[in-house]
Amino acid sequence: MGSEFVPLTLPPMVIAILAALSCAAPGNYLILRRQAMLGDAMSHVVLPGIVAAFLLTGSAAPPILLIGALAAAALSAALIEGIRRLGGTDPGAAMGITFTAMFAAGVLMLEVSGAASVHLDVEHALYGNLEGLIWLDATGWSSLLDPAALAGLPPELPSLALVAGAILLALRLARRPLALASFDEGFARSMGLPVAALSAALVGLTALAAVAAFSAVGSILTIAMLICPPATARLLTDDLTTQLRLSLAFATLAAALGTLAAGYGPPLLGLSFTVSASGMIATLSGLGLAAAATLSPRRHGHAPKA
């Protein structure tokens, strides 16, 4: 099994896990702050930035696309704030207006520019390209100890590992002030905490997670990972530390089982096709949330313990 599993299944599974961890970690604070729509917005608005970066440079290299996506995320954050302040619009409505408009603009740019010829098509934007992130230089488990083979890993894997590590470390260092600002902004401000800076940092981390995950797993899975594991954990505990740990565990489990089920499930059932790994992971995440909502004690919106 190793000769096939290592090059074809292991890299997509690890990439999916890293993307899930990157998204689930800041997603916990979005849930606490009732800003789940922000994750939805960020996962959509990166598309026009990616397309624009390709059209301007002619390159589909991951660093180029990442820069374009980050620029689009920053623009969307400015638009959301501008619509909210200048138009007196509800924050949720401002997010909805921004992400639908920018995603639609990205789709139109794909259709009229010919960018779809380099795999920047709508299907890739929605479902990602997990199945295509294979490790061609691997020959088996021994390749994990072969520096030459490791150099041929899909570039998305080390970049997502770096992003996941940075996000987890930043949230670990800012856990207590960010928790206080999320639970009671007025109290946090009275204690001298930089509430605006903490909010901006959370937006930045969410954007970074969405941008890093988008090219590999697409917008649907990015949204699912930002919301489903944290929401599932929130239903099961009132302790923030426990919630964070549970959400990361659920995200990891959904990513691993979803990747395996997508590739090996249909053949085991005698079917001649496989299904989308991103779609399967998102489905398992949703089923986990449904199970938690059904089986856990009813919650009444009280804040978990920091």
Protein backbone atom coordinates (compact mmCIF):
# COMPACT_ATOMS: atom_id res chain seq x y z
CA MET A 1 0.00 0.00 0.00
CA GLY A 2 2.88 2.37 0.77
CA SER A 3 4.04 2.55 -2.83
CA GLU A 4 0.68 4.06 -3.82
CA PHE A 5 -0.43 5.70 -0.58
CA VAL A 6 2.67 7.82 0.02
CA PRO A 7 2.86 9.62 -3.35
CA LEU A 8 -0.87 9.85 -4.12
CA THR A 9 -2.72 10.11 -0.79
CA LEU A 10 -0.36 11.19 1.96
CA PRO A 11 0.51 14.67 0.57
CA PRO A 12 -3.13 15.67 -0.09
CA MET A 13 -4.11 14.39 3.35
CA VAL A 14 -1.33 16.33 5.13
CA ILE A 15 -2.13 19.46 3.11
CA ALA A 16 -5.81 19.13 3.99
CA ILE A 17 -4.94 18.75 7.69
CA LEU A 18 -2.69 21.82 7.63
CA ALA A 19 -5.36 23.86 5.85
CA ALA A 20 -7.97 22.68 8.36
CA LEU A 21 -5.78 23.63 11.33
CA SER A 22 -4.97 27.04 9.82
CA CYS A 23 -8.66 27.82 9.42
CA ALA A 24 -10.11 26.24 12.55
CA ALA A 25 -7.82 28.07 14.97
CA PRO A 26 -8.95 31.67 14.19
CA GLY A 27 -12.44 30.35 13.51
CA ASN A 28 -12.91 29.83 17.25
CA TYR A 29 -12.65 33.56 17.89
CA LEU A 30 -14.88 34.39 14.93
CA ILE A 31 -17.55 32.20 16.52
CA LEU A 32 -17.12 33.88 19.92
CA ARG A 33 -17.32 37.35 18.35
CA ARG A 34 -20.33 36.39 16.19
CA GLN A 35 -18.32 37.16 13.06
CA ALA A 36 -18.58 33.82 11.27
CA MET A 37 -19.52 35.64 8.08
CA LEU A 38 -16.05 37.20 8.07
CA GLY A 39 -14.52 33.81 7.32
CA ASP A 40 -17.04 33.29 4.54
CA ALA A 41 -16.14 36.67 3.07
CA MET A 42 -12.40 36.08 3.18
CA SER A 43 -12.67 32.70 1.48
CA HIS A 44 -14.54 34.29 -1.42
CA VAL A 45 -12.74 37.58 -1.93
CA VAL A 46 -9.35 36.03 -2.61
CA LEU A 47 -10.49 34.86 -6.06
CA PRO A 48 -10.28 38.23 -7.89
CA GLY A 49 -6.89 38.86 -6.27
CA ILE A 50 -5.56 35.54 -7.54
CA VAL A 51 -6.86 36.17 -11.06
CA ALA A 52 -5.56 39.75 -11.09
CA ALA A 53 -2.11 38.61 -9.94
CA PHE A 54 -1.95 36.08 -12.77
CA LEU A 55 -3.11 38.58 -15.39
CA LEU A 56 -0.59 41.21 -14.25
CA THR A 57 2.42 38.89 -14.02
CA GLY A 58 1.58 36.02 -16.37
CA SER A 59 2.69 33.63 -13.63
CA ALA A 60 0.65 31.09 -11.66
CA ALA A 61 3.45 30.53 -9.13
CA PRO A 62 2.08 30.17 -5.56
CA PRO A 63 3.97 33.21 -4.16
CA ILE A 64 2.57 35.46 -6.89
CA LEU A 65 -0.97 34.24 -6.36
CA LEU A 66 -0.56 34.58 -2.59
CA ILE A 67 0.39 38.25 -2.93
CA GLY A 68 -2.64 38.92 -5.10
CA ALA A 69 -4.95 37.10 -2.71
CA LEU A 70 -3.62 39.01 0.29
CA ALA A 71 -4.14 42.29 -1.55
CA ALA A 72 -7.73 41.30 -2.31
CA ALA A 73 -8.30 40.31 1.32
CA ALA A 74 -6.97 43.67 2.50
CA LEU A 75 -9.20 45.48 -0.02
CA SER A 76 -12.24 43.52 1.14
CA ALA A 77 -11.56 44.38 4.78
CA ALA A 78 -11.39 48.07 3.84
CA LEU A 79 -14.60 47.82 1.80
CA ILE A 80 -16.47 46.07 4.61
CA GLU A 81 -15.43 48.74 7.09
CA GLY A 82 -16.20 51.53 4.63
CA ILE A 83 -19.68 50.20 3.84
CA ARG A 84 -20.37 49.70 7.54
CA ARG A 85 -19.27 53.18 8.60
CA LEU A 86 -20.31 55.34 5.64
CA GLY A 87 -23.57 53.60 4.91
CA GLY A 88 -24.55 52.75 8.46
CA THR A 89 -24.97 49.17 7.31
CA ASP A 90 -25.11 46.16 9.60
CA PRO A 91 -21.68 44.41 9.69
CA GLY A 92 -23.17 41.14 8.44
CA ALA A 93 -24.81 42.89 5.50
CA ALA A 94 -21.58 44.73 4.69
CA MET A 95 -19.70 41.42 4.62
CA GLY A 96 -22.36 39.80 2.46
CA ILE A 97 -22.33 42.65 -0.05
CA THR A 98 -18.55 42.65 -0.26
CA PHE A 99 -17.87 38.94 -0.61
CA THR A 100 -20.61 38.27 -3.16
CA ALA A 101 -19.57 41.26 -5.29
CA MET A 102 -15.88 40.38 -5.22
CA PHE A 103 -16.42 36.67 -5.86
CA ALA A 104 -18.70 37.50 -8.78
CA ALA A 105 -16.04 39.88 -10.10
CA GLY A 106 -13.48 37.10 -9.85
CA VAL A 107 -15.71 34.69 -11.78
CA LEU A 108 -16.25 37.28 -14.51
CA MET A 109 -12.51 37.91 -14.72
CA LEU A 110 -11.95 34.18 -15.18
CA GLU A 111 -14.54 33.96 -17.93
CA VAL A 112 -13.35 36.93 -20.01
CA SER A 113 -9.59 36.79 -19.49
CA GLY A 114 -8.75 33.22 -20.48
CA ALA A 115 -7.17 32.57 -17.07
CA ALA A 116 -9.11 29.31 -16.86
CA SER A 117 -6.60 27.82 -19.29
CA VAL A 118 -4.05 27.60 -16.44
CA HIS A 119 -6.42 25.79 -14.05
CA LEU A 120 -7.74 28.99 -12.49
CA ASP A 121 -11.28 27.91 -13.29
CA VAL A 122 -14.46 28.20 -11.23
CA GLU A 123 -14.39 24.53 -10.23
CA HIS A 124 -10.84 24.93 -8.90
CA ALA A 125 -11.93 28.04 -6.99
CA LEU A 126 -14.78 26.14 -5.33
CA TYR A 127 -13.23 22.71 -4.70
CA GLY A 128 -9.49 23.32 -4.85
CA ASN A 129 -6.99 20.89 -6.28
CA LEU A 130 -6.26 18.43 -3.46
CA GLU A 131 -6.23 15.38 -5.70
CA GLY A 132 -3.62 16.97 -7.95
CA LEU A 133 -1.17 17.70 -5.12
CA ILE A 134 0.75 14.45 -5.45
CA TRP A 135 4.36 13.65 -4.62
CA LEU A 136 5.89 12.44 -7.88
CA ASP A 137 9.36 11.81 -6.41
CA ALA A 138 8.12 9.45 -3.70
CA THR A 139 8.58 5.70 -4.06
CA GLY A 140 7.32 4.59 -0.65
CA TRP A 141 7.63 5.29 3.05
CA SER A 142 11.42 5.42 2.74
CA SER A 143 11.02 8.64 0.75
CA LEU A 144 10.11 10.41 3.99
CA LEU A 145 13.79 10.12 4.96
CA ASP A 146 15.20 10.94 1.52
CA PRO A 147 16.23 14.61 1.19
CA ALA A 148 16.20 14.42 -2.61
CA ALA A 149 12.66 13.07 -2.62
CA LEU A 150 11.51 15.56 0.02
CA ALA A 151 12.65 18.40 -2.24
CA GLY A 152 9.92 17.34 -4.66
CA LEU A 153 7.03 17.76 -2.22
CA PRO A 154 4.12 19.88 -3.48
CA PRO A 155 4.99 23.51 -2.65
CA GLU A 156 1.61 23.94 -0.95
CA LEU A 157 2.69 21.59 1.84
CA PRO A 158 5.63 23.59 3.28
CA SER A 159 3.85 26.89 2.74
CA LEU A 160 0.74 25.69 4.59
CA ALA A 161 2.91 24.21 7.34
CA LEU A 162 4.53 27.61 7.81
CA VAL A 163 1.18 29.40 7.83
CA ALA A 164 -0.39 26.92 10.26
CA GLY A 165 2.57 27.20 12.62
CA ALA A 166 2.51 31.01 12.49
CA ILE A 167 -1.24 31.21 13.12
CA LEU A 168 -1.19 28.75 16.01
CA LEU A 169 1.77 30.52 17.60
CA ALA A 170 0.21 33.98 17.23
CA LEU A 171 -3.08 32.84 18.75
CA ARG A 172 -1.23 31.11 21.56
CA LEU A 173 0.68 34.28 22.43
CA ALA A 174 -2.42 36.51 22.22
CA ARG A 175 -4.90 34.02 23.68
CA ARG A 176 -5.85 35.84 26.89
CA PRO A 177 -6.12 39.43 25.58
CA LEU A 178 -7.93 38.22 22.47
CA ALA A 179 -10.35 36.21 24.63
CA LEU A 180 -11.06 39.23 26.85
CA ALA A 181 -11.62 41.46 23.82
CA SER A 182 -13.94 38.84 22.31
CA PHE A 183 -16.06 38.36 25.46
CA ASP A 184 -16.34 41.98 26.66
CA GLU A 185 -14.85 44.64 24.43
CA GLY A 186 -15.69 47.48 26.81
CA PHE A 187 -14.02 45.77 29.77
CA ALA A 188 -10.97 44.92 27.66
CA ARG A 189 -10.68 48.54 26.58
CA SER A 190 -10.96 49.74 30.19
CA MET A 191 -8.01 47.49 31.04
CA GLY A 192 -5.92 49.24 28.42
CA LEU A 193 -5.92 46.40 25.92
CA PRO A 194 -5.51 47.43 22.25
CA VAL A 195 -8.95 46.22 21.20
CA ALA A 196 -8.81 47.66 17.67
CA ALA A 197 -5.37 46.16 17.06
CA LEU A 198 -6.53 42.77 18.33
CA SER A 199 -9.56 42.85 16.03
CA ALA A 200 -7.37 43.82 13.09
CA ALA A 201 -4.93 41.04 13.94
CA LEU A 202 -7.74 38.48 14.00
CA VAL A 203 -8.95 39.70 10.61
CA GLY A 204 -5.40 39.43 9.32
CA LEU A 205 -4.96 35.88 10.62
CA THR A 206 -8.31 34.87 9.13
CA ALA A 207 -7.31 36.35 5.78
CA LEU A 208 -3.94 34.60 5.91
CA ALA A 209 -5.61 31.25 6.65
CA ALA A 210 -8.16 31.70 3.86
CA VAL A 211 -5.53 32.77 1.35
CA ALA A 212 -3.16 29.93 2.17
CA ALA A 213 -5.89 27.30 2.09
CA PHE A 214 -7.75 28.61 -0.97
CA SER A 215 -5.44 27.40 -3.73
CA ALA A 216 -5.24 23.90 -2.29
CA VAL A 217 -8.71 23.21 -0.96
CA GLY A 218 -10.94 25.88 -2.54
CA SER A 219 -13.49 28.21 -0.99
CA ILE A 220 -16.05 25.60 0.10
CA LEU A 221 -13.66 23.67 2.33
CA THR A 222 -12.09 26.89 3.62
CA ILE A 223 -15.51 28.07 4.82
CA ALA A 224 -16.28 24.68 6.34
CA MET A 225 -13.00 24.54 8.25
CA LEU A 226 -13.32 28.12 9.52
CA ILE A 227 -16.75 27.47 10.99
CA CYS A 228 -17.68 23.79 11.48
CA PRO A 229 -14.92 22.50 13.84
CA PRO A 230 -15.07 25.57 16.14
CA ALA A 231 -18.88 25.52 16.17
CA THR A 232 -18.86 21.79 16.93
CA ALA A 233 -16.42 22.27 19.80
CA ARG A 234 -18.44 25.24 21.11
CA LEU A 235 -21.44 22.96 21.53
CA LEU A 236 -19.48 20.53 23.67
CA THR A 237 -17.67 22.73 26.19
CA ASP A 238 -17.75 26.07 28.02
CA ASP A 239 -13.98 26.18 28.47
CA LEU A 240 -12.10 28.13 25.79
CA THR A 241 -8.90 26.10 26.04
CA THR A 242 -10.85 22.87 25.68
CA GLN A 243 -12.83 24.37 22.81
CA LEU A 244 -9.64 25.26 20.96
CA ARG A 245 -8.19 21.80 21.41
CA LEU A 246 -11.39 20.05 20.41
CA SER A 247 -11.79 22.20 17.31
CA LEU A 248 -8.26 21.36 16.14
CA ALA A 249 -8.87 17.67 16.81
CA PHE A 250 -12.16 17.73 14.88
CA ALA A 251 -10.53 19.60 12.00
CA THR A 252 -7.70 17.09 11.82
CA LEU A 253 -10.06 14.11 11.99
CA ALA A 254 -12.36 15.46 9.29
CA ALA A 255 -9.44 16.25 6.97
CA ALA A 256 -7.81 12.85 7.38
CA LEU A 257 -10.98 10.76 7.19
CA GLY A 258 -12.43 12.86 4.37
CA THR A 259 -9.33 12.46 2.21
CA LEU A 260 -9.27 8.70 2.78
CA ALA A 261 -13.01 8.28 2.25
CA ALA A 262 -12.96 10.28 -0.99
CA GLY A 263 -10.19 8.20 -2.53
CA TYR A 264 -10.81 4.73 -1.13
CA GLY A 265 -14.48 4.71 -0.16
CA PRO A 266 -16.15 4.40 -3.59
CA PRO A 267 -13.82 1.59 -4.81
CA LEU A 268 -14.45 -0.33 -1.59
CA LEU A 269 -18.17 -0.10 -2.38
CA GLY A 270 -17.56 -1.45 -5.88
CA LEU A 271 -17.91 1.90 -7.61
CA SER A 272 -15.66 2.90 -10.49
CA PHE A 273 -15.16 6.53 -9.50
CA THR A 274 -13.88 8.66 -6.66
CA VAL A 275 -15.36 11.83 -5.21
CA SER A 276 -13.99 15.26 -4.35
CA ALA A 277 -11.76 15.17 -1.29
CA SER A 278 -12.63 18.76 -0.39
CA GLY A 279 -16.32 18.02 -0.70
CA MET A 280 -16.04 14.90 1.44
CA ILE A 281 -14.09 16.74 4.16
CA ALA A 282 -16.65 19.55 4.22
CA THR A 283 -19.47 16.99 4.39
CA LEU A 284 -17.90 15.15 7.32
CA SER A 285 -17.37 18.48 9.10
CA GLY A 286 -21.03 19.33 8.63
CA LEU A 287 -22.12 15.91 9.85
CA GLY A 288 -19.95 16.34 12.94
CA LEU A 289 -21.59 19.68 13.66
CA ALA A 290 -25.05 18.17 13.17
CA ALA A 291 -24.21 15.32 15.54
CA ALA A 292 -22.95 17.73 18.19
CA ALA A 293 -26.03 19.91 17.85
CA THR A 294 -28.27 16.87 18.20
CA LEU A 295 -26.52 15.01 21.00
CA SER A 296 -24.90 17.71 23.14
CA PRO A 297 -26.71 19.56 25.97
CA ARG A 298 -28.54 22.63 24.77
CA ARG A 299 -26.49 25.83 24.96
CA HIS A 300 -27.88 29.29 25.56
CA GLY A 301 -25.16 31.51 24.21
CA HIS A 302 -23.21 31.98 27.44
CA ALA A 303 -19.53 32.66 26.97
CA PRO A 304 -17.00 29.89 27.52
CA LYS A 305 -14.40 30.28 30.21
CA ALA A 306 -11.13 31.87 29.12
